[in-house]
Protein backbone atom coordinates (compact mmCIF):
# COMPACT_ATOMS: atom_id res chain seq x y z
CA MET A 1 110.33 -149.67 -92.72
CA LYS A 2 107.17 -149.23 -94.80
CA LYS A 3 104.59 -146.60 -93.84
CA ILE A 4 101.02 -147.94 -93.89
CA LEU A 5 97.95 -145.75 -93.44
CA VAL A 6 94.62 -147.29 -92.42
CA HIS A 7 91.99 -144.91 -93.80
CA LEU A 8 88.63 -145.28 -92.02
CA GLU A 9 85.77 -143.29 -93.52
CA ALA A 10 82.20 -142.81 -92.29
CA ASP A 11 80.96 -142.19 -95.86
CA ALA A 12 79.96 -145.23 -97.91
CA GLN A 13 83.11 -144.90 -100.05
CA ALA A 14 86.53 -143.89 -98.79
CA SER A 15 87.73 -140.63 -100.35
CA VAL A 16 90.13 -141.12 -103.26
CA PHE A 17 91.41 -137.57 -102.72
CA ASP A 18 92.44 -138.47 -99.14
CA GLN A 19 94.27 -141.55 -100.40
CA ILE A 20 96.15 -139.58 -103.07
CA THR A 21 97.10 -136.97 -100.45
CA ALA A 22 98.49 -139.75 -98.24
CA TYR A 23 100.65 -141.09 -101.08
CA ASP A 24 101.87 -137.56 -101.83
CA ALA A 25 102.84 -137.26 -98.13
CA GLY A 26 105.06 -140.34 -98.40
CA VAL A 27 102.86 -143.24 -97.31
CA ASP A 28 103.82 -146.55 -98.97
CA GLN A 29 100.44 -148.29 -98.69
CA VAL A 30 96.86 -147.14 -97.98
CA MET A 31 94.24 -149.54 -96.68
CA ALA A 32 90.90 -147.76 -97.15
CA TYR A 33 87.57 -148.78 -95.61
CA GLY A 34 84.28 -146.96 -96.13
CA GLY A 35 81.04 -147.17 -94.17
CA VAL A 36 82.78 -147.35 -90.79
CA ARG A 37 80.76 -146.29 -87.72
CA LEU A 38 82.39 -144.62 -84.74
CA ASP A 39 81.34 -147.43 -82.39
CA GLU A 40 83.27 -149.90 -84.60
CA VAL A 41 86.61 -148.12 -84.03
CA THR A 42 88.78 -148.67 -80.97
CA GLY A 43 92.05 -147.06 -79.92
């Protein structure tokens, strides 16, 4: 099974460092989105 990380970031651009760290931790795919507000995220 593939490990996918959805990276939601409040900053305008999602952090490349965070994405590299995720790959180093064994994630197969990172889907990064910047400019996300807290009220746009649900559980």
